[in-house]
Amino acid sequence: MKLSNVEIARLFSELAFWLQVEGDNPFKIRAYTRAADTLKRLPKHVFEYTEEELKNISGFGKAIVEKLGQIRQSGTFQTLERYRNKYPPSLLEMAKVSGLGPGKIGTLYRDFHVQSLEDLWTCIEDGCITKVKGISSKVVPKLRESVRYLLDNRHRLRYDEGERVAKQFIDFVRSAERRGHIWTIGTLASFDNVLESLDFLTDIPTDRLQEILSGYPHLDGIKQSEEGTRVQLRDLAVPIRIRYGQTSNLGSLRVQYTSSGEFFRALVDRFGYVESPTEEDFFRQLGVPYVPVELRHNPIVLEGDHLHTLDKLVEETTLRGFVHCHSNYSDGVWPIATLMEEVRSRGFSYLVLTDHSQYARYAGGLTVEELHRQWREIDDLRRAHPDFPILKGIELDILPDGSLDYDEDLRRQFDFIIASVHSQLDMEEDQATERILRAVQSGEIHMLGHPTGRLLLLRKGYPLHYEKIFEACASNGVAIELNANPRRLDIDWRRIEEALQAGVKISINTDAHRLEDVDYFHYGITAGRKAGLTVDDNISSWDFTAFCEHFSIKRMC
């Protein structure tokens, strides 16, 4: 299977990591890091270029081009494999620890024999961590919290990662056995943010399925039990669990195994139970409108008022506005014109461009001069495409004291402002809440971006007093983003109903940095549907006129 540019970039980033662990030449490290960045920004697949064309790409020297040739042949390259054989792979897991860079990981490995998160935890607890140059007692609590969080979540998987494995698994089984059925169930089927297992339901006989799975790649073991089959794959953090049923009852079983216990009991108590081969037929026989998998966690959905609003839930086909995205002016990959063409081809009717503000230097935050250059380009695109509105937006940093980036006169010139926290994330609830409240109550912002700053399974996110945040947003007409990046999914879907009840509107946004990130809407939509989010309450489902009227945007509208 051909690797994508991003996957190839990860190989060069991994080599840069190993070189930093070893304390190698900084110029060599920078060359591989630069090559990884270049790969992510290429307008077409790297293997579509000739060798001569590759040599002329800035960031690709002779050594990089040679390694690309090896990757084309084998999916990896010799230098990387040499380092993979030299160091334990668990050092890569240590790289997820907040505040612990590759250089310190190398020191811990060489001088203190620390080669895993467990070893690192022991080193922190017995105090040897402070013997590492550059690690003082002041940073130890933060390291301890980060390591503990990673250890507690190491046997969990983000939904997008689980979905990818599940598709490969189902495709493998179906290619070998076309007569049977196999469906996802459990938290995988109900689109939970984080998974502890990958669960399936099938009518393929146990012996036949075990025969099929004996040839599955990376198989580490198969066990049978009364509940079904348990499969473990190498390098997969969670087990695969398979339940069995008869073809005539698969639909009924899938409803049961994709529902919370509370929901299923309420369903059966109120409407009864029938055996059915499909879910649609199961609900039809009960005389109940089909309840989507995402909503089978709360029995309130079975109340009359809720049943009649199921057809108003957000769907990917209901999206109109592409809000919150980044171009190559900051840390995005694509020029504005290319981004506009892609968004338009996907059926969106307007674009709200929001590159990073200048405080976010690490992300190529725009200087005032760069902003004016970008605005001139947008003006040109507006003239060339008068039927496709582009708003001059910004993802404005909320500074540590709650003030906003740029000066007030410049901020007034933006069509749209998303305000987000990107720095000094280690905050207590009161501090984080006051920081965000100051921005929300400024009267200058339109939307609060990824409100907790979390990264699923990597970073918890700062705690907030949600009631205060929601009240302030409602009072100041500030919407809250549901960031659809599967690493974030922030605001959490469990908080959306509370926000809506407070009078706050939600906007499902991708925070796209690459064209393929447009596909992140899939994750945001499912999270929104779990919360019962309707088209009326999701701003990115509104047409351009409604969008402008809601935010009192007069320019372009």
Protein backbone atom coordinates (compact mmCIF):
# COMPACT_ATOMS: atom_id res chain seq x y z
CA MET A 1 0.00 0.00 0.00
CA LYS A 2 1.43 3.34 -1.07
CA LEU A 3 2.23 5.68 1.80
CA SER A 4 0.82 9.20 1.72
CA ASN A 5 3.06 12.27 1.81
CA VAL A 6 2.15 12.77 5.47
CA GLU A 7 3.06 9.18 6.33
CA ILE A 8 6.40 9.52 4.52
CA ALA A 9 6.97 12.79 6.37
CA ARG A 10 6.50 10.90 9.65
CA LEU A 11 9.37 8.59 8.71
CA PHE A 12 11.75 11.55 8.31
CA SER A 13 10.43 13.12 11.53
CA GLU A 14 11.10 9.85 13.33
CA LEU A 15 14.68 9.80 12.04
CA ALA A 16 15.11 13.40 13.24
CA PHE A 17 13.89 12.24 16.66
CA TRP A 18 16.44 9.42 16.85
CA LEU A 19 19.23 11.76 15.78
CA GLN A 20 18.24 14.17 18.56
CA VAL A 21 18.20 11.30 21.05
CA GLU A 22 21.73 10.47 19.97
CA GLY A 23 22.85 14.11 20.06
CA ASP A 24 23.80 14.16 16.39
CA ASN A 25 24.66 17.11 14.18
CA PRO A 26 21.94 19.81 14.47
CA PHE A 27 22.29 20.65 10.78
CA LYS A 28 21.56 17.04 9.82
CA ILE A 29 18.56 16.99 12.17
CA ARG A 30 17.27 20.22 10.66
CA ALA A 31 17.62 18.75 7.15
CA TYR A 32 15.32 15.83 7.95
CA THR A 33 12.85 18.05 9.79
CA ARG A 34 12.79 20.38 6.80
CA ALA A 35 12.27 17.43 4.45
CA ALA A 36 9.28 16.32 6.54
CA ASP A 37 7.77 19.81 6.40
CA THR A 38 8.34 19.98 2.63
CA LEU A 39 6.62 16.62 2.09
CA LYS A 40 3.50 17.84 3.88
CA ARG A 41 3.30 20.87 1.61
CA LEU A 42 3.78 19.20 -1.78
CA PRO A 43 0.86 19.83 -4.17
CA LYS A 44 0.93 16.21 -5.41
CA HIS A 45 2.24 12.86 -4.22
CA VAL A 46 6.01 12.79 -3.90
CA PHE A 47 6.29 9.67 -6.07
CA GLU A 48 4.65 11.50 -8.97
CA TYR A 49 7.84 13.56 -9.37
CA THR A 50 10.84 12.36 -11.36
CA GLU A 51 14.18 12.06 -9.60
CA GLU A 52 15.42 15.21 -11.30
CA GLU A 53 12.31 17.12 -10.26
CA LEU A 54 12.79 15.98 -6.66
CA LYS A 55 16.37 17.26 -6.63
CA ASN A 56 15.09 20.71 -7.60
CA ILE A 57 12.62 20.91 -4.71
CA SER A 58 13.85 23.13 -1.92
CA GLY A 59 14.47 20.98 1.16
CA PHE A 60 15.33 17.83 -0.80
CA GLY A 61 19.07 17.21 -1.03
CA LYS A 62 20.75 14.16 -2.54
CA ALA A 63 20.48 12.14 0.70
CA ILE A 64 16.75 12.83 0.98
CA VAL A 65 16.10 11.84 -2.63
CA GLU A 66 18.02 8.58 -2.15
CA LYS A 67 15.94 7.74 0.93
CA LEU A 68 12.74 8.54 -0.95
CA GLY A 69 13.82 5.97 -3.52
CA GLN A 70 14.18 3.37 -0.77
CA ILE A 71 10.76 4.27 0.65
CA ARG A 72 9.22 3.83 -2.79
CA GLN A 73 10.61 0.28 -2.91
CA SER A 74 10.12 -0.94 0.65
CA GLY A 75 8.08 1.57 2.66
CA THR A 76 11.07 2.52 4.80
CA PHE A 77 14.78 3.32 4.47
CA GLN A 78 18.00 1.80 5.80
CA THR A 79 19.14 4.65 8.04
CA LEU A 80 15.82 4.73 9.88
CA GLU A 81 15.80 0.97 10.35
CA ARG A 82 19.32 1.11 11.76
CA TYR A 83 18.19 3.50 14.49
CA ARG A 84 15.02 1.49 15.10
CA ASN A 85 17.20 -1.52 15.78
CA LYS A 86 19.55 0.48 17.99
CA TYR A 87 16.95 2.02 20.35
CA PRO A 88 13.85 0.58 22.02
CA PRO A 89 10.62 1.76 20.34
CA SER A 90 9.25 2.71 23.77
CA LEU A 91 11.39 5.86 23.63
CA LEU A 92 8.95 7.15 21.01
CA GLU A 93 6.16 6.82 23.55
CA MET A 94 8.20 8.92 25.98
CA ALA A 95 8.27 11.67 23.36
CA LYS A 96 4.57 12.24 24.10
CA VAL A 97 5.41 13.51 27.59
CA SER A 98 4.81 17.25 27.79
CA GLY A 99 8.03 19.12 28.51
CA LEU A 100 10.38 16.23 27.74
CA GLY A 101 12.30 16.64 24.48
CA PRO A 102 14.38 14.08 22.55
CA GLY A 103 17.66 15.34 24.01
CA LYS A 104 16.53 14.71 27.58
CA ILE A 105 15.09 11.35 26.55
CA GLY A 106 18.54 10.41 25.21
CA THR A 107 20.17 11.45 28.48
CA LEU A 108 17.64 9.47 30.53
CA TYR A 109 18.23 6.42 28.37
CA ARG A 110 22.03 6.54 28.40
CA ASP A 111 22.70 7.72 31.96
CA PHE A 112 19.73 6.42 33.92
CA HIS A 113 18.60 3.38 31.87
CA VAL A 114 15.13 4.86 31.44
CA GLN A 115 13.53 3.35 28.33
CA SER A 116 9.76 3.36 28.96
CA LEU A 117 6.99 5.38 30.57
CA GLU A 118 7.09 3.01 33.54
CA ASP A 119 10.82 3.61 33.98
CA LEU A 120 10.23 7.34 33.68
CA TRP A 121 7.51 7.22 36.34
CA THR A 122 9.89 5.42 38.69
CA CYS A 123 12.62 7.96 37.94
CA ILE A 124 10.22 10.80 38.79
CA GLU A 125 9.01 9.16 41.99
CA ASP A 126 12.48 8.37 43.34
CA GLY A 127 13.78 11.84 42.46
CA CYS A 128 16.50 10.91 39.97
CA ILE A 129 14.72 12.95 37.29
CA THR A 130 16.14 16.19 38.75
CA LYS A 131 19.67 14.91 38.09
CA VAL A 132 19.05 15.42 34.38
CA LYS A 133 20.44 18.73 33.20
CA GLY A 134 17.63 21.15 32.45
CA ILE A 135 14.99 19.46 34.63
CA SER A 136 14.40 21.33 37.88
CA SER A 137 12.11 20.44 40.76
CA LYS A 138 9.68 23.10 39.52
CA VAL A 139 8.80 21.17 36.37
CA VAL A 140 8.55 17.75 38.03
CA PRO A 141 4.81 18.06 38.95
CA LYS A 142 3.95 18.81 35.33
CA LEU A 143 6.05 15.86 34.12
CA ARG A 144 4.43 13.60 36.71
CA GLU A 145 0.94 14.62 35.61
CA SER A 146 1.74 14.09 31.93
CA VAL A 147 3.32 10.65 32.47
CA ARG A 148 0.43 9.53 34.68
CA TYR A 149 -2.10 10.63 32.07
CA LEU A 150 -0.27 8.72 29.33
CA LEU A 151 0.03 5.59 31.46
CA ASP A 152 -3.66 5.69 32.34
CA ASN A 153 -4.61 5.96 28.66
CA ARG A 154 -2.08 3.70 26.98
CA HIS A 155 -4.66 0.95 26.43
CA ARG A 156 -7.09 3.27 24.69
CA LEU A 157 -7.38 4.39 21.11
CA ARG A 158 -8.73 7.52 19.45
CA TYR A 159 -11.86 6.90 17.40
CA ASP A 160 -10.26 7.80 14.07
CA GLU A 161 -7.44 5.31 14.66
CA GLY A 162 -9.92 2.61 15.66
CA GLU A 163 -12.10 3.33 12.64
CA ARG A 164 -9.12 2.88 10.32
CA VAL A 165 -8.17 -0.49 11.87
CA ALA A 166 -11.80 -1.62 11.85
CA LYS A 167 -12.18 -0.90 8.13
CA GLN A 168 -9.06 -2.93 7.33
CA PHE A 169 -10.31 -5.76 9.56
CA ILE A 170 -13.77 -5.85 7.98
CA ASP A 171 -12.35 -5.66 4.45
CA PHE A 172 -10.04 -8.59 5.22
CA VAL A 173 -12.85 -10.76 6.58
CA ARG A 174 -15.29 -9.87 3.78
CA SER A 175 -12.71 -10.60 1.10
CA ALA A 176 -12.37 -14.13 2.49
CA GLU A 177 -16.02 -14.79 3.28
CA ARG A 178 -18.51 -13.01 1.04
CA ARG A 179 -21.61 -14.88 2.22
CA GLY A 180 -21.48 -13.75 5.83
CA HIS A 181 -22.00 -10.40 7.51
CA ILE A 182 -19.75 -8.50 9.88
CA TRP A 183 -20.66 -5.17 11.49
CA THR A 184 -19.16 -2.89 14.08
CA ILE A 185 -20.84 -2.67 17.48
CA GLY A 186 -20.09 -1.13 20.87
CA THR A 187 -18.36 2.20 21.32
CA LEU A 188 -16.75 1.87 17.88
CA ALA A 189 -20.16 1.83 16.21
CA SER A 190 -21.52 4.63 18.40
CA PHE A 191 -18.60 6.96 17.58
CA ASP A 192 -17.15 7.44 21.07
CA ASN A 193 -14.15 9.80 21.12
CA VAL A 194 -11.93 7.18 22.75
CA LEU A 195 -12.15 3.38 22.52
CA GLU A 196 -11.08 0.58 24.87
CA SER A 197 -11.84 -2.21 22.39
CA LEU A 198 -12.88 -2.74 18.78
CA ASP A 199 -16.11 -4.74 18.78
CA PHE A 200 -17.80 -6.61 15.93
CA LEU A 201 -20.90 -8.72 15.34
CA THR A 202 -20.99 -11.48 12.73
CA ASP A 203 -23.01 -14.45 11.52
CA ILE A 204 -19.91 -16.21 10.13
CA PRO A 205 -19.44 -19.54 11.98
CA THR A 206 -16.79 -19.46 14.70
CA ASP A 207 -14.55 -22.11 13.15
CA ARG A 208 -14.65 -20.43 9.74
CA LEU A 209 -13.86 -17.01 11.19
CA GLN A 210 -10.96 -18.40 13.21
CA GLU A 211 -9.60 -19.98 10.03
CA ILE A 212 -9.82 -16.62 8.24
CA LEU A 213 -8.19 -14.69 11.07
CA SER A 214 -5.27 -17.12 11.34
CA GLY A 215 -3.83 -15.33 8.31
CA TYR A 216 -4.47 -11.79 9.50
CA PRO A 217 -1.37 -9.51 9.46
CA HIS A 218 0.26 -8.70 12.82
CA LEU A 219 -1.79 -11.36 14.63
CA ASP A 220 -0.61 -11.88 18.20
CA GLY A 221 -3.22 -14.33 19.44
CA ILE A 222 -6.83 -15.57 19.28
CA LYS A 223 -8.86 -16.70 22.29
CA GLN A 224 -12.34 -18.16 22.48
CA SER A 225 -14.78 -17.59 25.35
CA GLU A 226 -18.50 -17.84 26.05
CA GLU A 227 -18.91 -14.24 24.87
CA GLY A 228 -17.13 -14.78 21.56
CA THR A 229 -13.67 -14.39 20.06
CA ARG A 230 -10.92 -12.10 21.33
CA VAL A 231 -8.14 -11.12 18.92
CA GLN A 232 -4.96 -9.29 19.83
CA LEU A 233 -2.81 -7.59 17.21
CA ARG A 234 0.79 -6.53 17.66
CA ASP A 235 1.16 -2.78 18.22
CA LEU A 236 -2.60 -2.28 18.68
CA ALA A 237 -3.39 -0.76 22.08
CA VAL A 238 -6.84 -2.36 22.37
CA PRO A 239 -8.25 -5.86 21.81
CA ILE A 240 -10.62 -6.88 19.02
CA ARG A 241 -13.76 -8.59 20.36
CA ILE A 242 -16.21 -10.50 18.18
CA ARG A 243 -19.74 -11.58 19.09
CA TYR A 244 -21.81 -14.07 17.11
CA GLY A 245 -25.45 -14.21 16.06
CA GLN A 246 -27.84 -15.77 13.60
CA THR A 247 -28.51 -14.00 10.31
CA SER A 248 -32.20 -13.74 11.19
CA ASN A 249 -31.43 -11.79 14.37
CA LEU A 250 -28.37 -9.70 13.49
CA GLY A 251 -30.32 -6.45 13.29
CA SER A 252 -31.86 -6.85 16.73
CA LEU A 253 -28.51 -7.79 18.23
CA ARG A 254 -26.78 -4.82 16.65
CA VAL A 255 -29.36 -2.46 18.15
CA GLN A 256 -28.71 -4.06 21.53
CA TYR A 257 -24.92 -3.96 21.22
CA THR A 258 -24.83 -0.37 20.00
CA SER A 259 -27.09 0.92 22.78
CA SER A 260 -26.41 1.84 26.37
CA GLY A 261 -28.08 -0.49 28.85
CA GLU A 262 -30.38 2.31 29.95
CA PHE A 263 -31.49 3.10 26.38
CA PHE A 264 -32.09 -0.53 25.41
CA ARG A 265 -34.11 -1.30 28.55
CA ALA A 266 -36.29 1.76 27.96
CA LEU A 267 -36.77 0.77 24.31
CA VAL A 268 -37.82 -2.80 25.13
CA ASP A 269 -39.99 -1.80 28.11
CA ARG A 270 -41.87 0.75 26.05
CA PHE A 271 -42.06 -0.84 22.61
CA GLY A 272 -41.17 -4.53 23.01
CA TYR A 273 -38.59 -6.73 21.30
CA VAL A 274 -38.56 -8.59 17.97
CA GLU A 275 -35.99 -10.63 16.12
CA SER A 276 -34.98 -8.98 12.87
CA PRO A 277 -32.17 -9.31 10.30
CA THR A 278 -31.66 -5.52 10.01
CA GLU A 279 -31.81 -2.53 12.34
CA GLU A 280 -34.20 -0.66 10.05
CA ASP A 281 -36.62 -3.57 10.09
CA PHE A 282 -36.28 -3.88 13.89
CA PHE A 283 -37.43 -0.31 14.48
CA ARG A 284 -40.11 -0.59 11.77
CA GLN A 285 -41.64 -3.66 13.43
CA LEU A 286 -41.69 -1.81 16.76
CA GLY A 287 -43.42 1.16 15.15
CA VAL A 288 -40.61 3.52 16.20
CA PRO A 289 -38.72 5.98 13.95
CA TYR A 290 -35.21 4.72 13.25
CA VAL A 291 -32.87 5.97 16.02
CA PRO A 292 -29.34 6.59 14.69
CA VAL A 293 -26.52 4.74 16.41
CA GLU A 294 -25.05 8.02 17.72
CA LEU A 295 -28.17 8.66 19.84
CA ARG A 296 -28.60 5.27 21.45
CA HIS A 297 -27.03 6.36 24.70
CA ASN A 298 -29.86 8.43 26.19
CA PRO A 299 -33.44 7.11 26.61
CA ILE A 300 -34.82 10.66 26.41
CA VAL A 301 -34.48 10.26 22.62
CA LEU A 302 -37.46 7.89 22.81
CA GLU A 303 -39.75 10.68 24.01
CA GLY A 304 -42.20 11.93 21.40
CA ASP A 305 -40.74 15.42 20.94
CA HIS A 306 -37.25 14.05 20.41
CA LEU A 307 -38.34 11.30 18.02
CA HIS A 308 -39.88 13.90 15.75
CA THR A 309 -36.66 15.96 15.49
CA LEU A 310 -34.36 13.13 14.40
CA ASP A 311 -34.56 14.24 10.76
CA LYS A 312 -33.27 17.71 11.73
CA LEU A 313 -29.92 16.48 13.05
CA VAL A 314 -26.75 17.79 11.40
CA GLU A 315 -25.38 15.76 8.52
CA GLU A 316 -22.40 16.30 6.25
CA THR A 317 -24.80 17.19 3.46
CA THR A 318 -26.22 20.06 5.55
CA LEU A 319 -22.91 21.94 5.83
CA ARG A 320 -22.68 25.29 4.05
CA GLY A 321 -19.84 27.33 5.56
CA PHE A 322 -16.18 26.34 5.78
CA VAL A 323 -15.24 28.13 8.98
CA HIS A 324 -11.79 28.00 10.64
CA CYS A 325 -9.03 26.94 8.28
CA HIS A 326 -5.38 27.78 7.67
CA SER A 327 -3.50 28.61 4.48
CA ASN A 328 0.21 28.63 3.72
CA TYR A 329 0.36 32.15 5.10
CA SER A 330 0.65 30.53 8.55
CA ASP A 331 0.97 26.78 9.21
CA GLY A 332 -1.40 25.51 6.54
CA VAL A 333 -0.13 23.71 3.46
CA TRP A 334 -2.12 25.18 0.60
CA PRO A 335 -2.45 28.62 -1.02
CA ILE A 336 -5.76 30.38 -0.45
CA ALA A 337 -6.85 29.91 -4.07
CA THR A 338 -6.29 26.14 -3.90
CA LEU A 339 -8.10 25.92 -0.58
CA MET A 340 -11.00 27.90 -2.00
CA GLU A 341 -11.26 25.63 -5.04
CA GLU A 342 -11.26 22.49 -2.89
CA VAL A 343 -13.86 23.85 -0.49
CA ARG A 344 -16.08 24.99 -3.33
CA SER A 345 -15.80 21.63 -5.10
CA ARG A 346 -16.98 19.94 -1.88
CA GLY A 347 -20.25 21.89 -2.01
CA PHE A 348 -19.55 24.66 0.51
CA SER A 349 -20.91 28.11 -0.34
CA TYR A 350 -18.48 30.37 1.56
CA LEU A 351 -15.06 30.34 3.22
CA VAL A 352 -13.94 31.96 6.48
CA LEU A 353 -10.13 32.04 6.36
CA THR A 354 -8.55 32.13 9.83
CA ASP A 355 -4.77 31.90 9.86
CA HIS A 356 -2.87 32.25 13.13
CA SER A 357 -2.20 35.66 14.67
CA GLN A 358 1.32 36.96 15.28
CA TYR A 359 1.60 35.74 18.92
CA ALA A 360 1.60 32.15 17.62
CA ARG A 361 5.09 32.46 16.12
CA TYR A 362 5.62 28.70 16.29
CA ALA A 363 2.69 28.33 13.86
CA GLY A 364 3.77 31.06 11.45
CA GLY A 365 1.47 33.66 13.00
CA LEU A 366 0.93 36.58 10.61
CA THR A 367 2.68 39.88 11.10
CA VAL A 368 0.77 43.04 10.28
CA GLU A 369 2.58 43.28 6.95
CA GLU A 370 1.68 39.67 6.09
CA LEU A 371 -1.93 40.32 7.03
CA HIS A 372 -2.20 43.20 4.59
CA ARG A 373 -0.63 41.08 1.87
CA GLN A 374 -3.13 38.32 2.56
CA TRP A 375 -6.03 40.77 2.48
CA ARG A 376 -4.92 42.05 -0.92
CA GLU A 377 -4.90 38.48 -2.21
CA ILE A 378 -8.37 37.87 -0.83
CA ASP A 379 -9.59 41.05 -2.52
CA ASP A 380 -8.26 39.69 -5.81
CA LEU A 381 -10.02 36.37 -5.27
CA ARG A 382 -13.26 38.14 -4.41
CA ARG A 383 -13.14 40.04 -7.67
CA ALA A 384 -12.36 36.88 -9.63
CA HIS A 385 -15.08 34.84 -7.85
CA PRO A 386 -17.87 37.23 -6.86
CA ASP A 387 -20.30 34.33 -6.34
CA PHE A 388 -18.15 32.68 -3.65
CA PRO A 389 -17.66 34.84 -0.52
CA ILE A 390 -14.36 34.72 1.37
CA LEU A 391 -14.20 36.42 4.77
CA LYS A 392 -10.99 37.94 6.12
CA GLY A 393 -10.85 36.08 9.41
CA ILE A 394 -8.18 35.28 11.97
CA GLU A 395 -7.60 32.73 14.70
CA LEU A 396 -6.64 35.26 17.33
CA ASP A 397 -4.55 34.17 20.28
CA ILE A 398 -6.00 34.75 23.72
CA LEU A 399 -2.91 35.91 25.58
CA PRO A 400 -2.05 34.64 29.08
CA ASP A 401 -3.79 37.59 30.75
CA GLY A 402 -6.91 37.19 28.61
CA SER A 403 -6.17 40.13 26.31
CA LEU A 404 -6.25 39.67 22.53
CA ASP A 405 -3.44 39.67 20.01
CA TYR A 406 -2.82 42.72 17.74
CA ASP A 407 -4.00 46.21 18.59
CA GLU A 408 -7.65 47.22 18.70
CA ASP A 409 -7.58 49.26 15.48
CA LEU A 410 -6.28 46.26 13.52
CA ARG A 411 -8.75 43.86 15.14
CA ARG A 412 -11.64 46.01 13.93
CA GLN A 413 -10.57 45.37 10.33
CA PHE A 414 -11.22 41.63 10.46
CA ASP A 415 -14.50 40.31 9.12
CA PHE A 416 -14.48 37.45 11.61
CA ILE A 417 -12.48 36.53 14.72
CA ILE A 418 -12.09 33.11 16.31
CA ALA A 419 -10.28 33.44 19.64
CA SER A 420 -8.29 30.49 20.96
CA VAL A 421 -5.80 29.63 23.69
CA HIS A 422 -2.53 28.15 22.39
CA SER A 423 0.01 29.01 25.10
CA GLN A 424 0.54 28.48 28.85
CA LEU A 425 -2.07 25.73 28.98
CA ASP A 426 -1.19 24.57 32.50
CA MET A 427 -3.95 26.46 34.32
CA GLU A 428 -6.28 25.91 37.26
CA GLU A 429 -10.00 26.28 36.69
CA ASP A 430 -10.34 29.84 37.98
CA GLN A 431 -7.36 31.08 35.97
CA ALA A 432 -8.48 29.39 32.76
CA THR A 433 -12.06 30.57 33.17
CA GLU A 434 -11.09 34.20 33.82
CA ARG A 435 -8.69 34.18 30.87
CA ILE A 436 -11.40 33.05 28.48
CA LEU A 437 -14.09 35.24 30.04
CA ARG A 438 -12.01 38.35 29.41
CA ALA A 439 -11.77 37.48 25.72
CA VAL A 440 -15.45 36.56 25.40
CA GLN A 441 -16.56 39.72 27.17
CA SER A 442 -14.33 41.96 25.05
CA GLY A 443 -17.13 42.42 22.52
CA GLU A 444 -14.63 41.81 19.71
CA ILE A 445 -14.74 38.09 19.04
CA HIS A 446 -17.30 36.00 17.19
CA MET A 447 -16.34 32.48 18.18
CA LEU A 448 -14.38 30.61 20.87
CA GLY A 449 -12.07 28.01 19.31
CA HIS A 450 -11.31 24.55 20.80
CA PRO A 451 -12.30 25.81 24.28
CA THR A 452 -10.35 23.39 26.52
CA GLY A 453 -7.18 22.95 24.45
CA ARG A 454 -7.28 19.20 24.92
CA LEU A 455 -5.53 16.61 22.74
CA LEU A 456 -7.22 13.25 23.18
CA LEU A 457 -5.03 10.70 24.99
CA LEU A 458 -2.14 13.20 25.05
CA ARG A 459 -3.31 16.23 27.01
CA LYS A 460 -6.33 16.59 29.29
CA GLY A 461 -7.07 20.19 28.57
CA TYR A 462 -7.53 22.87 31.20
CA PRO A 463 -10.59 22.78 33.48
CA LEU A 464 -13.31 25.40 32.98
CA HIS A 465 -16.33 26.70 34.87
CA TYR A 466 -18.67 25.89 32.00
CA GLU A 467 -21.74 27.62 33.37
CA LYS A 468 -19.86 30.94 33.50
CA ILE A 469 -18.38 30.44 30.03
CA PHE A 470 -21.72 29.54 28.46
CA GLU A 471 -23.51 32.45 30.13
CA ALA A 472 -20.86 34.91 28.91
CA CYS A 473 -20.92 33.52 25.36
CA ALA A 474 -24.71 33.76 25.22
CA SER A 475 -24.69 37.33 26.57
CA ASN A 476 -22.05 38.47 24.08
CA GLY A 477 -23.24 36.58 21.00
CA VAL A 478 -20.14 34.39 20.90
CA ALA A 479 -20.47 30.93 19.36
CA ILE A 480 -18.44 27.94 20.52
CA GLU A 481 -16.53 25.72 18.15
CA LEU A 482 -16.81 21.97 17.99
CA ASN A 483 -13.36 21.38 16.57
CA ALA A 484 -13.73 18.32 14.34
CA ASN A 485 -10.04 17.38 14.32
CA PRO A 486 -10.22 13.82 15.74
CA ARG A 487 -7.28 14.64 18.01
CA ARG A 488 -9.37 17.36 19.65
CA LEU A 489 -13.16 17.00 19.27
CA ASP A 490 -13.34 20.03 21.50
CA ILE A 491 -15.91 21.13 22.83
CA ASP A 492 -16.78 17.68 24.14
CA TRP A 493 -20.15 16.50 22.85
CA ARG A 494 -21.36 15.91 26.42
CA ARG A 495 -21.21 19.67 27.05
CA ILE A 496 -23.13 20.72 23.95
CA GLU A 497 -26.65 20.30 25.33
CA GLU A 498 -25.76 22.51 28.30
CA ALA A 499 -24.37 25.15 25.95
CA LEU A 500 -27.49 25.08 23.78
CA GLN A 501 -29.76 25.41 26.81
CA ALA A 502 -27.77 28.51 27.80
CA GLY A 503 -28.48 30.02 24.39
CA VAL A 504 -25.08 29.40 22.77
CA LYS A 505 -24.75 28.36 19.15
CA ILE A 506 -22.23 25.69 18.09
CA SER A 507 -20.13 25.60 14.92
CA ILE A 508 -18.63 22.36 13.64
CA ASN A 509 -15.28 23.35 12.09
CA THR A 510 -12.38 21.29 10.79
CA ASP A 511 -9.50 23.64 11.71
CA ALA A 512 -8.11 22.43 8.38
CA HIS A 513 -4.40 22.81 7.64
CA ARG A 514 -4.37 20.48 4.60
CA LEU A 515 -6.94 19.67 1.90
CA GLU A 516 -7.48 16.19 3.32
CA ASP A 517 -8.44 17.76 6.66
CA VAL A 518 -11.76 18.67 5.06
CA ASP A 519 -12.67 15.04 5.80
CA TYR A 520 -12.51 15.81 9.53
CA PHE A 521 -16.12 16.96 9.25
CA HIS A 522 -17.03 13.28 9.49
CA TYR A 523 -15.83 13.20 13.11
CA GLY A 524 -17.34 16.55 14.06
CA ILE A 525 -20.71 15.63 12.59
CA THR A 526 -20.90 12.35 14.51
CA ALA A 527 -19.90 14.12 17.74
CA GLY A 528 -22.56 16.76 17.12
CA ARG A 529 -25.21 14.14 16.40
CA LYS A 530 -24.39 12.34 19.66
CA ALA A 531 -25.31 15.61 21.38
CA GLY A 532 -28.52 15.93 19.35
CA LEU A 533 -27.16 18.97 17.47
CA THR A 534 -29.59 20.20 14.80
CA VAL A 535 -29.04 22.24 11.66
CA ASP A 536 -30.63 25.27 13.33
CA ASP A 537 -28.06 25.24 16.15
CA ASN A 538 -24.97 24.52 14.03
CA ILE A 539 -23.64 27.72 12.48
CA SER A 540 -21.59 26.01 9.75
CA SER A 541 -24.87 24.60 8.42
CA TRP A 542 -26.23 28.11 7.78
CA ASP A 543 -26.17 29.91 4.45
CA PHE A 544 -24.00 32.99 4.07
CA THR A 545 -26.79 35.48 4.66
CA ALA A 546 -27.85 33.84 7.92
CA PHE A 547 -24.20 33.63 9.00
CA CYS A 548 -23.62 37.34 8.42
CA GLU A 549 -26.90 38.39 10.00
CA HIS A 550 -26.20 36.38 13.15
CA PHE A 551 -22.77 37.93 13.65
CA SER A 552 -23.78 41.39 12.34
CA ILE A 553 -21.14 41.21 9.60
CA LYS A 554 -21.88 44.01 7.15
CA ARG A 555 -18.84 43.79 4.87
CA MET A 556 -19.38 41.34 2.01
CA CYS A 557 -22.96 40.64 3.12
